[in-house]
């Protein structure tokens, strides 16, 4: 079982910034990423990063969000700038373990963007 610890959520005004962090146990992760679930919406991809550095972003966050990972710390980060009300939701860390291909979810962290 892989337990992921997320932090960094909070409440900000439109145009503000937040940085999410997610740390997992020591192992090799083939993919690390973030998903979000807005009020009344399904969970959807925000950004992912493969172990080779390849990134994927949702169109709605391109140019505003940046994903990064620190393999030695088994961590993935999401820098969110110029936040908009529609970015509001619960953000979930997601990882795929290289050795067995299984995926795991964090507990989620709330991000609220409101004036």
N, C-alpha and C. Protein backbone atom coordinates (compact mmCIF):
# COMPACT_ATOMS: atom_id res chain seq x y z
N UNK A 1 0.84 -1.18 0.00
CA UNK A 1 0.00 0.00 0.00
C UNK A 1 0.88 1.24 0.00
N UNK A 2 0.53 2.19 -0.83
CA UNK A 2 1.27 3.44 -0.93
C UNK A 2 0.42 4.54 -0.34
N UNK A 3 0.92 5.17 0.69
CA UNK A 3 0.21 6.30 1.29
C UNK A 3 0.86 7.60 0.85
N UNK A 4 0.05 8.48 0.33
CA UNK A 4 0.52 9.76 -0.17
C UNK A 4 0.07 10.87 0.78
N UNK A 5 0.97 11.77 1.07
CA UNK A 5 0.66 12.88 1.97
C UNK A 5 0.67 14.18 1.17
N UNK A 6 -0.47 14.83 1.13
CA UNK A 6 -0.63 16.06 0.37
C UNK A 6 -0.66 17.25 1.31
N UNK A 7 -0.23 18.40 0.79
CA UNK A 7 -0.32 19.63 1.56
C UNK A 7 -0.32 20.81 0.60
N UNK A 8 -0.68 21.98 1.12
CA UNK A 8 -0.57 23.19 0.34
C UNK A 8 -1.87 23.80 -0.13
N UNK A 9 -2.98 23.15 0.11
CA UNK A 9 -4.25 23.73 -0.31
C UNK A 9 -4.61 24.93 0.55
N UNK A 10 -5.68 25.60 0.16
CA UNK A 10 -6.11 26.76 0.94
C UNK A 10 -7.08 27.61 0.15
N UNK A 11 -7.30 28.82 0.67
CA UNK A 11 -8.22 29.76 0.03
C UNK A 11 -7.43 30.98 -0.44
N UNK A 12 -7.66 31.38 -1.67
CA UNK A 12 -6.99 32.54 -2.22
C UNK A 12 -7.98 33.34 -3.07
N UNK A 13 -7.62 34.57 -3.32
CA UNK A 13 -8.41 35.41 -4.21
C UNK A 13 -8.01 35.14 -5.66
N UNK A 14 -8.89 35.44 -6.59
CA UNK A 14 -8.52 35.30 -8.00
C UNK A 14 -7.23 36.05 -8.32
N UNK A 15 -6.37 35.39 -9.08
CA UNK A 15 -5.07 35.95 -9.39
C UNK A 15 -3.97 35.52 -8.45
N UNK A 16 -4.36 34.88 -7.37
CA UNK A 16 -3.39 34.42 -6.38
C UNK A 16 -2.69 33.14 -6.78
N UNK A 17 -1.80 32.70 -5.90
CA UNK A 17 -1.00 31.50 -6.16
C UNK A 17 -1.03 30.55 -4.98
N UNK A 18 -0.89 29.29 -5.30
CA UNK A 18 -0.73 28.24 -4.29
C UNK A 18 0.24 27.20 -4.82
N UNK A 19 0.88 26.49 -3.92
CA UNK A 19 1.78 25.39 -4.31
C UNK A 19 1.37 24.15 -3.52
N UNK A 20 1.01 23.13 -4.28
CA UNK A 20 0.64 21.85 -3.68
C UNK A 20 1.84 20.92 -3.66
N UNK A 21 1.90 20.11 -2.62
CA UNK A 21 2.97 19.13 -2.48
C UNK A 21 2.38 17.76 -2.19
N UNK A 22 3.06 16.75 -2.66
CA UNK A 22 2.63 15.37 -2.40
C UNK A 22 3.87 14.51 -2.24
N UNK A 23 3.94 13.81 -1.14
CA UNK A 23 5.08 12.94 -0.88
C UNK A 23 4.62 11.51 -0.66
N UNK A 24 5.33 10.59 -1.29
CA UNK A 24 5.02 9.19 -1.12
C UNK A 24 6.19 8.44 -0.51
N UNK A 25 5.98 7.17 -0.24
CA UNK A 25 7.07 6.37 0.29
C UNK A 25 8.16 6.17 -0.76
N UNK A 26 9.31 5.71 -0.29
CA UNK A 26 10.46 5.59 -1.16
C UNK A 26 10.28 4.44 -2.16
N UNK A 27 10.09 4.83 -3.43
CA UNK A 27 10.01 3.87 -4.50
C UNK A 27 10.15 4.63 -5.81
N UNK A 28 10.11 3.92 -6.91
CA UNK A 28 10.20 4.58 -8.21
C UNK A 28 8.79 4.74 -8.76
N UNK A 29 8.47 5.96 -9.12
CA UNK A 29 7.15 6.25 -9.67
C UNK A 29 7.29 6.55 -11.16
N UNK A 30 6.58 5.79 -11.98
CA UNK A 30 6.67 6.02 -13.41
C UNK A 30 5.91 7.28 -13.80
N UNK A 31 4.84 7.56 -13.10
CA UNK A 31 4.05 8.77 -13.35
C UNK A 31 3.62 9.35 -12.00
N UNK A 32 3.71 10.67 -11.89
CA UNK A 32 3.18 11.39 -10.73
C UNK A 32 2.36 12.55 -11.26
N UNK A 33 1.24 12.80 -10.62
CA UNK A 33 0.40 13.86 -11.15
C UNK A 33 -0.67 14.35 -10.21
N UNK A 34 -1.47 15.25 -10.73
CA UNK A 34 -2.54 15.87 -9.98
C UNK A 34 -3.84 15.83 -10.77
N UNK A 35 -4.91 15.56 -10.07
CA UNK A 35 -6.26 15.61 -10.60
C UNK A 35 -7.09 16.50 -9.68
N UNK A 36 -8.20 16.95 -10.17
CA UNK A 36 -9.06 17.76 -9.33
C UNK A 36 -10.53 17.40 -9.57
N UNK A 37 -11.32 17.68 -8.56
CA UNK A 37 -12.76 17.47 -8.65
C UNK A 37 -13.45 18.72 -8.16
N UNK A 38 -14.04 19.45 -9.09
CA UNK A 38 -14.77 20.65 -8.74
C UNK A 38 -16.15 20.33 -8.23
N UNK A 39 -16.83 21.28 -7.63
CA UNK A 39 -18.17 21.06 -7.10
C UNK A 39 -19.12 20.55 -8.18
N UNK A 40 -19.71 19.40 -7.95
CA UNK A 40 -20.65 18.84 -8.91
C UNK A 40 -20.03 18.30 -10.18
N UNK A 41 -18.71 18.16 -10.19
CA UNK A 41 -18.02 17.70 -11.40
C UNK A 41 -17.31 16.38 -11.13
N UNK A 42 -16.93 15.74 -12.22
CA UNK A 42 -16.13 14.52 -12.10
C UNK A 42 -14.66 14.88 -11.92
N UNK A 43 -13.94 13.95 -11.36
CA UNK A 43 -12.50 14.14 -11.20
C UNK A 43 -11.83 14.17 -12.58
N UNK A 44 -10.93 15.12 -12.78
CA UNK A 44 -10.29 15.25 -14.09
C UNK A 44 -8.81 15.58 -13.93
N UNK A 45 -8.07 15.28 -14.98
CA UNK A 45 -6.64 15.49 -14.97
C UNK A 45 -6.30 16.97 -14.93
N UNK A 46 -5.30 17.31 -14.11
CA UNK A 46 -4.76 18.67 -14.11
C UNK A 46 -3.40 18.66 -14.78
N UNK A 47 -2.50 17.81 -14.28
CA UNK A 47 -1.16 17.73 -14.83
C UNK A 47 -0.50 16.43 -14.37
N UNK A 48 0.34 15.87 -15.24
CA UNK A 48 1.13 14.71 -14.89
C UNK A 48 2.55 14.88 -15.39
N UNK A 49 3.45 14.14 -14.76
CA UNK A 49 4.84 14.13 -15.20
C UNK A 49 5.37 12.71 -15.12
N UNK A 50 5.89 12.21 -16.24
CA UNK A 50 6.49 10.89 -16.26
C UNK A 50 7.91 10.96 -15.70
N UNK A 51 8.48 9.79 -15.47
CA UNK A 51 9.82 9.77 -14.90
C UNK A 51 10.87 10.26 -15.89
N UNK A 52 10.52 10.36 -17.16
CA UNK A 52 11.46 10.90 -18.14
C UNK A 52 11.29 12.41 -18.31
N UNK A 53 10.40 13.00 -17.51
CA UNK A 53 10.21 14.44 -17.56
C UNK A 53 9.09 14.91 -18.46
N UNK A 54 8.48 14.00 -19.17
CA UNK A 54 7.37 14.36 -20.06
C UNK A 54 6.18 14.83 -19.24
N UNK A 55 5.62 15.97 -19.62
CA UNK A 55 4.49 16.52 -18.89
C UNK A 55 3.23 16.57 -19.75
N UNK A 56 2.11 16.53 -19.07
CA UNK A 56 0.80 16.69 -19.69
C UNK A 56 0.00 17.64 -18.83
N UNK A 57 -0.67 18.58 -19.47
CA UNK A 57 -1.49 19.55 -18.76
C UNK A 57 -2.89 19.60 -19.37
N UNK A 58 -3.86 19.84 -18.51
CA UNK A 58 -5.20 20.16 -19.01
C UNK A 58 -5.12 21.51 -19.71
N UNK A 59 -5.88 21.66 -20.78
CA UNK A 59 -5.84 22.91 -21.53
C UNK A 59 -6.16 24.12 -20.65
N UNK A 60 -7.04 23.92 -19.71
CA UNK A 60 -7.50 25.04 -18.88
C UNK A 60 -6.43 25.60 -17.94
N UNK A 61 -5.34 24.84 -17.74
CA UNK A 61 -4.31 25.29 -16.79
C UNK A 61 -2.98 25.60 -17.47
N UNK A 62 -2.89 25.34 -18.76
CA UNK A 62 -1.64 25.59 -19.47
C UNK A 62 -1.24 27.06 -19.36
N UNK A 63 0.03 27.28 -19.05
CA UNK A 63 0.52 28.64 -18.91
C UNK A 63 0.33 29.21 -17.51
N UNK A 64 -0.44 28.53 -16.68
CA UNK A 64 -0.68 29.03 -15.31
C UNK A 64 -0.14 28.07 -14.26
N UNK A 65 -0.23 26.77 -14.53
CA UNK A 65 0.21 25.76 -13.57
C UNK A 65 1.50 25.12 -14.06
N UNK A 66 2.35 24.73 -13.11
CA UNK A 66 3.58 24.02 -13.46
C UNK A 66 3.75 22.83 -12.52
N UNK A 67 3.91 21.67 -13.11
CA UNK A 67 4.16 20.47 -12.32
C UNK A 67 5.66 20.20 -12.28
N UNK A 68 6.12 19.71 -11.15
CA UNK A 68 7.52 19.33 -11.03
C UNK A 68 7.60 18.17 -10.05
N UNK A 69 8.71 17.47 -10.09
CA UNK A 69 8.89 16.36 -9.17
C UNK A 69 10.32 16.30 -8.69
N UNK A 70 10.49 15.79 -7.51
CA UNK A 70 11.80 15.64 -6.91
C UNK A 70 11.92 14.17 -6.53
N UNK A 71 12.54 13.40 -7.39
CA UNK A 71 12.56 11.95 -7.20
C UNK A 71 13.26 11.53 -5.92
N UNK A 72 14.31 12.25 -5.54
CA UNK A 72 15.03 11.88 -4.32
C UNK A 72 14.16 12.07 -3.08
N UNK A 73 13.14 12.93 -3.21
CA UNK A 73 12.21 13.15 -2.10
C UNK A 73 10.88 12.46 -2.32
N UNK A 74 10.81 11.67 -3.43
CA UNK A 74 9.57 10.96 -3.73
C UNK A 74 8.38 11.91 -3.75
N UNK A 75 8.58 13.07 -4.31
CA UNK A 75 7.58 14.12 -4.22
C UNK A 75 7.23 14.71 -5.58
N UNK A 76 6.00 15.19 -5.65
CA UNK A 76 5.54 15.92 -6.82
C UNK A 76 4.88 17.19 -6.33
N UNK A 77 5.04 18.24 -7.12
CA UNK A 77 4.53 19.56 -6.75
C UNK A 77 3.68 20.13 -7.87
N UNK A 78 2.80 21.03 -7.49
CA UNK A 78 2.00 21.75 -8.48
C UNK A 78 2.00 23.22 -8.09
N UNK A 79 2.70 24.02 -8.86
CA UNK A 79 2.69 25.46 -8.67
C UNK A 79 1.53 26.04 -9.47
N UNK A 80 0.63 26.70 -8.78
CA UNK A 80 -0.58 27.23 -9.42
C UNK A 80 -0.56 28.75 -9.32
N UNK A 81 -0.48 29.39 -10.45
CA UNK A 81 -0.46 30.85 -10.51
C UNK A 81 -1.70 31.37 -11.22
N UNK A 82 -1.99 32.64 -11.00
CA UNK A 82 -3.14 33.27 -11.64
C UNK A 82 -4.40 32.41 -11.47
N UNK A 83 -4.66 32.03 -10.26
CA UNK A 83 -5.79 31.15 -10.00
C UNK A 83 -7.11 31.82 -10.31
N UNK A 84 -8.05 31.03 -10.79
CA UNK A 84 -9.37 31.49 -11.16
C UNK A 84 -10.43 30.77 -10.33
N UNK A 85 -11.61 31.34 -10.19
CA UNK A 85 -12.66 30.67 -9.42
C UNK A 85 -12.95 29.25 -9.93
N UNK A 86 -12.82 29.04 -11.23
CA UNK A 86 -13.10 27.72 -11.78
C UNK A 86 -12.02 26.70 -11.43
N UNK A 87 -10.94 27.13 -10.82
CA UNK A 87 -9.92 26.19 -10.33
C UNK A 87 -10.30 25.59 -8.97
N UNK A 88 -11.37 26.09 -8.39
CA UNK A 88 -11.82 25.60 -7.10
C UNK A 88 -12.15 24.12 -7.16
N UNK A 89 -11.72 23.39 -6.14
CA UNK A 89 -12.03 21.97 -6.07
C UNK A 89 -11.09 21.26 -5.12
N UNK A 90 -11.28 19.97 -5.05
CA UNK A 90 -10.37 19.13 -4.27
C UNK A 90 -9.32 18.58 -5.22
N UNK A 91 -8.08 18.77 -4.86
CA UNK A 91 -6.96 18.33 -5.69
C UNK A 91 -6.38 17.05 -5.11
N UNK A 92 -6.24 16.07 -5.98
CA UNK A 92 -5.76 14.76 -5.57
C UNK A 92 -4.43 14.45 -6.24
N UNK A 93 -3.51 13.98 -5.45
CA UNK A 93 -2.25 13.47 -5.98
C UNK A 93 -2.49 12.04 -6.48
N UNK A 94 -1.86 11.70 -7.57
CA UNK A 94 -1.98 10.35 -8.13
C UNK A 94 -0.61 9.88 -8.60
N UNK A 95 -0.27 8.65 -8.29
CA UNK A 95 1.02 8.11 -8.71
C UNK A 95 0.86 6.71 -9.27
N UNK A 96 1.75 6.36 -10.16
CA UNK A 96 1.83 4.99 -10.68
C UNK A 96 3.19 4.45 -10.28
N UNK A 97 3.17 3.33 -9.60
CA UNK A 97 4.41 2.71 -9.13
C UNK A 97 5.04 1.93 -10.28
N UNK A 98 6.32 2.17 -10.52
CA UNK A 98 7.01 1.58 -11.67
C UNK A 98 7.06 0.06 -11.56
N UNK A 99 7.27 -0.47 -10.36
CA UNK A 99 7.52 -1.90 -10.21
C UNK A 99 6.30 -2.77 -10.48
N UNK A 100 5.09 -2.25 -10.21
CA UNK A 100 3.91 -3.09 -10.38
C UNK A 100 2.80 -2.46 -11.21
N UNK A 101 2.99 -1.20 -11.63
CA UNK A 101 1.99 -0.54 -12.47
C UNK A 101 0.73 -0.12 -11.75
N UNK A 102 0.67 -0.30 -10.45
CA UNK A 102 -0.52 0.09 -9.71
C UNK A 102 -0.54 1.60 -9.47
N UNK A 103 -1.75 2.14 -9.39
CA UNK A 103 -1.89 3.58 -9.12
C UNK A 103 -2.51 3.80 -7.75
N UNK A 104 -2.16 4.91 -7.17
CA UNK A 104 -2.63 5.25 -5.84
C UNK A 104 -3.03 6.72 -5.80
N UNK A 105 -4.00 7.01 -4.90
CA UNK A 105 -4.51 8.38 -4.75
C UNK A 105 -4.20 8.91 -3.36
N UNK A 106 -3.95 10.22 -3.32
CA UNK A 106 -3.87 10.90 -2.04
C UNK A 106 -5.25 11.16 -1.49
N UNK A 107 -5.30 11.75 -0.30
CA UNK A 107 -6.58 11.98 0.36
C UNK A 107 -7.29 13.23 -0.17
N UNK A 108 -6.57 14.05 -0.88
CA UNK A 108 -7.16 15.26 -1.45
C UNK A 108 -6.91 16.48 -0.57
N UNK A 109 -6.73 17.61 -1.23
CA UNK A 109 -6.56 18.88 -0.51
C UNK A 109 -7.43 19.93 -1.19
N UNK A 110 -8.13 20.72 -0.38
CA UNK A 110 -9.10 21.67 -0.91
C UNK A 110 -8.41 22.94 -1.38
N UNK A 111 -8.78 23.39 -2.57
CA UNK A 111 -8.36 24.68 -3.10
C UNK A 111 -9.61 25.49 -3.40
N UNK A 112 -9.69 26.66 -2.81
CA UNK A 112 -10.84 27.54 -3.02
C UNK A 112 -10.35 28.89 -3.53
N UNK A 113 -10.88 29.29 -4.67
CA UNK A 113 -10.53 30.58 -5.26
C UNK A 113 -11.79 31.43 -5.31
N UNK A 114 -11.79 32.47 -4.51
CA UNK A 114 -12.99 33.29 -4.39
C UNK A 114 -12.62 34.70 -3.96
N UNK A 115 -13.39 35.65 -4.44
CA UNK A 115 -13.17 37.03 -4.03
C UNK A 115 -14.03 37.37 -2.83
